[in-house]
N, C-alpha and C. Protein backbone atom coordinates (compact mmCIF):
# COMPACT_ATOMS: atom_id res chain seq x y z
N MET A 1 11.26 32.38 45.04
CA MET A 1 10.61 31.92 46.12
C MET A 1 9.66 31.15 45.40
N THR A 2 9.93 29.61 46.15
CA THR A 2 9.15 28.95 45.28
C THR A 2 7.74 28.62 46.06
N PRO A 3 6.89 27.79 45.51
CA PRO A 3 5.36 28.23 46.54
C PRO A 3 5.89 26.94 47.13
N PRO A 4 4.63 26.47 48.43
CA PRO A 4 4.85 25.61 49.22
C PRO A 4 4.58 24.08 48.59
N GLY A 5 5.52 23.22 48.75
CA GLY A 5 5.30 21.49 48.34
C GLY A 5 5.65 21.92 46.91
N GLN A 6 6.85 22.87 46.33
CA GLN A 6 6.90 22.81 45.14
C GLN A 6 8.03 21.72 44.95
N SER A 7 9.00 21.62 46.11
CA SER A 7 10.18 20.74 46.25
C SER A 7 9.74 19.43 45.96
N GLU A 8 8.69 19.14 47.06
CA GLU A 8 8.35 17.83 47.00
C GLU A 8 8.01 16.96 45.69
N LEU A 9 7.00 18.15 44.77
CA LEU A 9 6.79 17.95 43.47
C LEU A 9 7.69 17.68 42.78
N ARG A 10 8.81 18.39 42.73
CA ARG A 10 9.97 18.26 41.95
C ARG A 10 10.56 16.66 41.87
N ASP A 11 10.50 16.53 43.44
CA ASP A 11 11.20 14.98 43.57
C ASP A 11 10.57 13.93 43.00
N SER A 12 9.20 13.87 42.83
CA SER A 12 8.77 13.09 42.61
C SER A 12 8.65 11.84 41.42
N PRO A 13 8.59 10.80 41.24
CA PRO A 13 8.72 10.20 40.08
C PRO A 13 8.10 10.13 39.26
N GLU A 14 6.63 10.86 39.49
CA GLU A 14 5.71 10.85 38.41
C GLU A 14 5.86 12.12 37.39
N THR A 15 6.76 13.19 38.27
CA THR A 15 7.06 14.15 37.36
C THR A 15 8.18 14.08 36.29
N GLU A 16 9.33 13.37 36.85
CA GLU A 16 10.22 13.28 35.92
C GLU A 16 9.82 12.34 34.70
N LEU A 17 8.65 10.96 35.16
CA LEU A 17 8.08 10.33 34.15
C LEU A 17 7.43 11.29 33.01
N SER A 18 6.48 11.91 33.24
CA SER A 18 5.90 12.70 32.51
C SER A 18 6.67 13.62 31.68
N ALA A 19 7.69 14.63 32.15
CA ALA A 19 8.73 15.35 31.67
C ALA A 19 9.28 14.69 30.42
N ALA A 20 9.45 13.05 30.82
CA ALA A 20 10.65 12.62 29.64
C ALA A 20 9.42 12.02 28.84
N VAL A 21 8.19 11.40 28.99
CA VAL A 21 6.92 11.42 28.39
C VAL A 21 6.92 12.18 27.21
N LEU A 22 6.59 13.66 27.78
CA LEU A 22 6.41 14.87 26.95
C LEU A 22 7.40 15.12 25.77
N SER A 23 8.50 14.81 26.17
CA SER A 23 9.97 14.89 25.72
C SER A 23 10.35 14.05 24.20
N CYS A 24 9.50 12.95 24.22
CA CYS A 24 10.13 11.68 23.29
C CYS A 24 8.95 12.14 22.32
N LEU A 25 7.80 12.60 22.42
CA LEU A 25 6.79 12.82 21.31
C LEU A 25 7.05 14.47 20.98
N ILE A 26 7.08 14.43 19.67
CA ILE A 26 6.86 15.78 18.84
C ILE A 26 5.65 15.99 18.02
N VAL A 27 5.35 17.01 17.61
CA VAL A 27 4.18 17.37 16.72
C VAL A 27 4.36 17.58 15.69
N LEU A 28 3.52 16.82 14.83
CA LEU A 28 4.01 16.98 13.18
C LEU A 28 3.40 18.33 12.97
N ARG A 29 4.11 18.97 12.19
CA ARG A 29 3.87 20.24 11.88
C ARG A 29 3.59 20.46 9.98
N VAL A 30 4.18 19.69 9.43
CA VAL A 30 4.34 19.73 8.45
C VAL A 30 2.95 18.77 7.25
N ARG A 31 2.52 19.45 7.07
CA ARG A 31 1.48 18.89 5.97
C ARG A 31 1.87 17.40 4.87
N ALA A 32 3.01 17.77 4.54
CA ALA A 32 3.57 16.71 3.76
C ALA A 32 3.70 15.24 4.81
N ASP A 33 3.72 15.27 5.69
CA ASP A 33 4.19 14.89 7.01
C ASP A 33 2.38 14.28 7.39
N TYR A 34 1.77 14.49 7.10
CA TYR A 34 0.12 13.64 7.68
C TYR A 34 -0.49 12.89 6.39
N LEU A 35 0.49 13.74 5.48
CA LEU A 35 -0.20 12.72 3.78
C LEU A 35 0.88 11.58 3.61
N ARG A 36 2.09 11.10 4.25
CA ARG A 36 2.60 10.41 4.11
C ARG A 36 2.43 9.63 5.30
N ALA A 37 1.74 9.78 6.30
CA ALA A 37 0.93 9.09 7.89
C ALA A 37 -0.12 8.71 7.02
N ALA A 38 -1.10 9.44 6.22
CA ALA A 38 -2.07 8.71 5.53
C ALA A 38 -2.33 7.27 4.42
N GLN A 39 -0.58 7.47 4.04
CA GLN A 39 -0.34 6.04 3.32
C GLN A 39 -0.17 5.17 3.95
N GLY A 40 0.21 5.10 5.40
CA GLY A 40 0.85 4.19 5.76
C GLY A 40 -0.42 3.09 6.62
N ARG A 41 0.16 2.15 7.64
CA ARG A 41 -0.54 1.59 8.16
C ARG A 41 -1.72 2.60 8.81
N LYS A 42 -3.17 2.02 8.72
CA LYS A 42 -4.14 1.78 10.00
C LYS A 42 -4.95 1.13 10.64
N ALA A 43 -5.32 1.68 11.53
CA ALA A 43 -6.23 0.67 12.44
C ALA A 43 -7.39 1.89 13.09
N GLY A 44 -8.42 1.24 12.43
CA GLY A 44 -9.46 2.47 13.03
C GLY A 44 -10.51 1.50 14.21
N THR A 45 -11.20 2.51 15.19
CA THR A 45 -11.61 1.58 16.61
C THR A 45 -12.76 2.97 16.54
N GLY A 46 -13.51 2.50 17.44
CA GLY A 46 -14.88 2.92 18.14
C GLY A 46 -14.92 4.57 18.00
N GLY A 47 -13.61 5.34 18.28
CA GLY A 47 -13.55 6.54 18.98
C GLY A 47 -12.53 7.36 18.05
N PHE A 48 -11.81 6.63 17.05
CA PHE A 48 -11.24 7.73 16.18
C PHE A 48 -10.72 6.59 15.36
N LEU A 49 -9.45 7.01 14.27
CA LEU A 49 -8.66 6.61 13.36
C LEU A 49 -7.08 6.48 13.79
N LEU A 50 -6.31 5.66 13.90
CA LEU A 50 -4.85 5.54 14.00
C LEU A 50 -3.88 5.71 12.42
N GLN A 51 -3.21 6.26 12.02
CA GLN A 51 -2.65 6.35 11.02
C GLN A 51 -0.96 6.77 11.58
N ALA A 52 -0.47 5.44 11.05
CA ALA A 52 0.99 4.94 11.63
C ALA A 52 2.00 4.86 10.44
N ARG A 53 2.96 5.41 9.97
CA ARG A 53 4.15 4.57 9.39
C ARG A 53 5.92 4.96 9.77
N PRO A 54 6.91 3.91 9.29
CA PRO A 54 7.88 4.16 10.26
C PRO A 54 8.82 5.57 9.21
N ARG A 55 9.08 5.81 9.91
CA ARG A 55 10.25 6.99 8.97
C ARG A 55 11.21 6.08 8.37
N ASP A 56 12.26 7.22 7.69
CA ASP A 56 12.86 6.28 7.17
C ASP A 56 14.59 7.14 7.48
N ASP A 57 14.35 8.06 8.71
CA ASP A 57 15.20 9.16 8.70
C ASP A 57 16.11 8.14 10.48
N THR A 58 17.16 9.34 10.59
CA THR A 58 17.79 8.26 11.80
C THR A 58 17.40 9.26 13.02
N ASP A 59 16.29 9.84 13.27
CA ASP A 59 15.50 10.52 14.10
C ASP A 59 14.81 9.35 15.19
N PRO A 60 15.28 9.48 16.64
CA PRO A 60 14.79 8.59 17.59
C PRO A 60 13.35 8.65 17.79
N SER A 61 13.26 10.09 17.65
CA SER A 61 11.85 10.18 18.12
C SER A 61 10.75 9.95 17.81
N ALA A 62 9.33 9.82 18.59
CA ALA A 62 8.37 9.45 17.53
C ALA A 62 7.85 10.53 17.70
N ARG A 63 7.35 10.73 16.40
CA ARG A 63 5.81 12.05 16.25
C ARG A 63 4.51 11.86 16.09
N VAL A 64 3.80 12.58 16.25
CA VAL A 64 2.14 12.38 16.29
C VAL A 64 1.68 13.61 16.05
N GLY A 65 0.74 13.22 15.21
CA GLY A 65 -0.11 14.41 14.58
C GLY A 65 -1.45 14.88 15.14
N PHE A 66 -2.57 15.47 15.04
CA PHE A 66 -4.04 15.32 15.41
C PHE A 66 -4.66 15.72 14.38
N THR A 67 -6.03 15.43 13.87
CA THR A 67 -6.66 15.79 12.70
C THR A 67 -8.40 15.86 13.25
N ALA A 68 -8.87 16.82 12.71
CA ALA A 68 -10.43 16.85 13.13
C ALA A 68 -10.79 17.72 12.37
N SER A 69 -11.97 16.99 11.65
CA SER A 69 -11.93 17.93 10.15
C SER A 69 -13.32 18.58 10.47
N LYS A 70 -14.04 19.65 9.97
CA LYS A 70 -15.37 20.17 9.85
C LYS A 70 -16.71 19.42 10.33
N LYS A 71 -16.40 17.65 9.77
CA LYS A 71 -17.33 16.58 9.67
C LYS A 71 -17.91 16.85 11.58
N ILE A 72 -16.54 16.89 12.52
CA ILE A 72 -16.38 16.89 13.65
C ILE A 72 -18.02 17.65 14.27
N GLY A 73 -18.07 18.87 13.70
CA GLY A 73 -18.75 19.81 14.31
C GLY A 73 -18.18 21.39 14.46
N ASN A 74 -18.70 21.75 15.04
CA ASN A 74 -18.42 23.28 14.78
C ASN A 74 -17.16 23.40 16.03
N ALA A 75 -16.44 24.91 16.14
CA ALA A 75 -14.79 24.61 16.27
C ALA A 75 -14.82 24.02 17.96
N VAL A 76 -15.99 24.66 18.66
CA VAL A 76 -16.20 23.90 19.98
C VAL A 76 -15.86 22.40 20.26
N PHE A 77 -16.40 21.75 19.25
CA PHE A 77 -16.34 20.53 18.92
C PHE A 77 -15.05 19.87 18.82
N ARG A 78 -14.85 20.47 17.56
CA ARG A 78 -13.11 20.07 17.33
C ARG A 78 -11.80 20.05 18.01
N ASN A 79 -12.28 21.02 18.80
CA ASN A 79 -11.21 21.59 20.05
C ASN A 79 -10.91 20.46 21.01
N ARG A 80 -12.22 20.02 21.18
CA ARG A 80 -12.65 19.66 22.32
C ARG A 80 -12.22 17.87 21.74
N ALA A 81 -12.40 17.34 20.67
CA ALA A 81 -11.84 16.50 20.10
C ALA A 81 -10.81 16.26 20.17
N LYS A 82 -9.42 17.60 19.66
CA LYS A 82 -8.32 17.55 19.66
C LYS A 82 -7.44 17.27 21.15
N ARG A 83 -8.31 18.35 21.99
CA ARG A 83 -7.78 18.00 23.67
C ARG A 83 -8.08 16.65 24.29
N ARG A 84 -8.90 15.87 23.70
CA ARG A 84 -9.05 14.44 24.44
C ARG A 84 -7.95 13.82 23.52
N LEU A 85 -7.77 13.98 21.95
CA LEU A 85 -6.41 13.16 21.79
C LEU A 85 -4.99 13.36 22.01
N ARG A 86 -5.36 14.80 22.22
CA ARG A 86 -3.71 14.77 22.79
C ARG A 86 -3.77 14.72 24.36
N ALA A 87 -4.55 14.09 24.62
CA ALA A 87 -4.50 13.74 26.33
C ALA A 87 -4.44 12.06 25.96
N LEU A 88 -4.79 11.49 25.40
CA LEU A 88 -4.59 10.00 24.59
C LEU A 88 -2.90 9.89 24.44
N ALA A 89 -2.78 10.96 23.79
CA ALA A 89 -1.75 10.87 22.95
C ALA A 89 -0.24 10.55 24.50
N ARG A 90 -0.66 11.77 25.31
CA ARG A 90 0.71 11.60 26.44
C ARG A 90 0.58 10.52 27.52
N GLU A 91 -0.89 10.23 27.25
CA GLU A 91 -1.17 9.14 28.57
C GLU A 91 -0.51 7.58 28.13
N VAL A 92 -1.02 7.12 26.28
CA VAL A 92 -1.04 5.76 26.40
C VAL A 92 -0.08 5.97 25.26
N LEU A 93 -0.20 6.96 23.89
CA LEU A 93 0.65 6.69 22.93
C LEU A 93 2.38 6.58 23.42
N ALA A 94 2.85 7.83 24.06
CA ALA A 94 4.25 8.37 24.98
C ALA A 94 4.61 7.07 24.96
N PRO A 95 4.11 6.42 26.07
CA PRO A 95 5.12 5.07 26.30
C PRO A 95 4.92 4.00 25.28
N ASP A 96 4.03 3.76 24.90
CA ASP A 96 4.24 2.29 24.17
C ASP A 96 4.41 2.98 21.94
N ALA A 97 4.49 4.10 21.86
CA ALA A 97 5.02 4.81 20.29
C ALA A 97 6.61 4.12 20.59
N ARG A 98 6.82 3.57 19.04
CA ARG A 98 8.03 3.07 18.91
C ARG A 98 8.75 4.32 18.14
N PRO A 99 10.19 4.28 18.38
CA PRO A 99 11.04 5.31 18.00
C PRO A 99 11.14 5.52 16.35
N GLY A 100 10.92 6.59 15.80
CA GLY A 100 11.37 6.31 14.61
C GLY A 100 9.77 6.40 13.51
N TRP A 101 8.77 6.51 14.37
CA TRP A 101 7.53 6.12 13.65
C TRP A 101 6.47 7.67 13.62
N ASP A 102 5.83 7.98 12.59
CA ASP A 102 4.94 9.14 12.47
C ASP A 102 3.70 8.25 13.06
N TYR A 103 2.77 9.13 14.14
CA TYR A 103 1.24 8.72 14.14
C TYR A 103 0.11 9.84 14.19
N VAL A 104 -0.53 9.47 13.46
CA VAL A 104 -1.32 10.69 13.20
C VAL A 104 -3.29 10.04 14.15
N LEU A 105 -3.33 10.90 14.90
CA LEU A 105 -4.80 10.29 15.48
C LEU A 105 -5.99 11.57 14.66
N VAL A 106 -7.09 10.80 14.14
CA VAL A 106 -8.07 11.19 13.32
C VAL A 106 -9.19 10.86 13.97
N ALA A 107 -9.97 12.06 14.39
CA ALA A 107 -11.13 12.53 15.46
C ALA A 107 -12.19 11.58 14.40
N LYS A 108 -13.35 11.16 14.81
CA LYS A 108 -14.53 10.47 14.17
C LYS A 108 -15.52 11.25 14.88
N PRO A 109 -16.43 11.45 13.85
CA PRO A 109 -17.83 12.36 14.42
C PRO A 109 -18.80 11.81 15.32
N ASN A 110 -19.50 12.13 16.20
CA ASN A 110 -20.10 11.75 16.62
C ASN A 110 -19.28 10.45 17.83
N ALA A 111 -17.86 10.64 17.62
CA ALA A 111 -17.58 9.14 18.53
C ALA A 111 -16.82 10.02 19.62
N THR A 112 -15.63 10.92 19.36
CA THR A 112 -14.32 11.48 19.78
C THR A 112 -14.66 11.84 21.00
N VAL A 113 -15.66 13.03 20.90
CA VAL A 113 -16.27 13.84 21.75
C VAL A 113 -17.00 13.20 22.87
N SER A 114 -17.71 12.06 22.32
CA SER A 114 -18.52 11.66 23.40
C SER A 114 -18.35 10.25 24.07
N ARG A 115 -17.46 9.54 23.63
CA ARG A 115 -17.18 8.19 23.89
C ARG A 115 -16.28 8.00 25.50
N ASP A 116 -16.97 7.21 26.17
CA ASP A 116 -16.17 7.01 27.51
C ASP A 116 -14.41 7.18 27.49
N TYR A 117 -13.63 7.99 28.03
CA TYR A 117 -12.18 8.45 28.05
C TYR A 117 -11.87 6.76 28.75
N SER A 118 -12.03 6.10 29.02
CA SER A 118 -11.55 4.94 29.38
C SER A 118 -11.55 3.81 28.12
N LEU A 119 -12.70 4.28 27.50
CA LEU A 119 -13.25 3.50 25.89
C LEU A 119 -11.46 3.70 24.96
N LEU A 120 -11.59 4.87 24.92
CA LEU A 120 -11.00 5.50 24.17
C LEU A 120 -9.60 5.16 24.22
N GLN A 121 -9.09 5.19 25.98
CA GLN A 121 -7.47 4.77 26.20
C GLN A 121 -7.19 2.77 25.93
N ALA A 122 -8.63 2.20 26.19
CA ALA A 122 -8.31 1.42 24.97
C ALA A 122 -8.30 0.81 23.83
N ASP A 123 -9.15 1.73 23.41
CA ASP A 123 -9.06 1.63 21.89
C ASP A 123 -7.90 2.16 20.99
N LEU A 124 -7.39 2.92 21.77
CA LEU A 124 -5.91 3.04 21.35
C LEU A 124 -4.75 2.71 21.87
N ARG A 125 -4.76 1.68 22.66
CA ARG A 125 -3.83 0.49 22.99
C ARG A 125 -4.15 -0.62 22.22
N SER A 126 -5.59 -0.86 21.57
CA SER A 126 -5.65 -2.11 20.64
C SER A 126 -5.31 -1.81 19.15
N ALA A 127 -5.41 -0.10 18.82
CA ALA A 127 -5.00 0.13 17.59
C ALA A 127 -3.19 0.44 17.49
N ILE A 128 -2.55 0.96 18.59
CA ILE A 128 -1.28 0.32 18.55
C ILE A 128 -0.66 -0.63 18.36
N ALA A 129 -1.22 -1.90 19.03
CA ALA A 129 -0.99 -3.26 18.62
C ALA A 129 -1.21 -3.41 17.17
N LEU A 130 -2.61 -3.22 16.89
CA LEU A 130 -2.89 -3.39 15.42
C LEU A 130 -2.09 -2.64 14.39
N VAL A 131 -1.48 -1.66 14.76
CA VAL A 131 -0.44 -1.05 13.68
C VAL A 131 0.31 -1.94 13.56
N HIS A 132 1.42 -2.14 14.69
CA HIS A 132 2.80 -2.88 15.01
C HIS A 132 2.58 -4.09 14.36
N LYS A 133 1.47 -4.93 14.47
CA LYS A 133 1.46 -6.52 14.14
C LYS A 133 2.23 -6.64 13.28
N ASP A 134 2.69 -7.31 13.22
CA ASP A 134 4.42 -7.88 11.94
C ASP A 134 3.18 -8.46 11.42
N ARG A 135 3.71 -7.61 9.83
CA ARG A 135 2.67 -7.86 8.38
C ARG A 135 3.92 -9.02 7.35
N THR A 136 3.59 -9.98 7.23
CA THR A 136 4.33 -11.09 6.25
C THR A 136 3.57 -11.67 4.99
């Protein structure tokens, strides 16, 4: 038995979009991938640091990782920072991510947790543009 309104929710375009958005981003799990991303392109913003690098494999998916060190604060603050970064990745990074790229969002002390969320969204959009700016 489906809950009331469930069939309407399933047919809405937003639900299809969010499922597609979540499927195109894969979370980094291996430390070596984080280290390789740290050697790639960087864009610092007021709320976080974005590290990105193109991969040399044939996998078309974009991958994303999140880092919040003990400099952020105790476990409560680190978890809050990572939750905000994950939400940013779903909303902003997923539609703008390039296939075959790795992205790492690094939390900043006293900024990622306390900065206004709309400013974090603007920061990520500008950081993505900066990272993908052609360098010749």
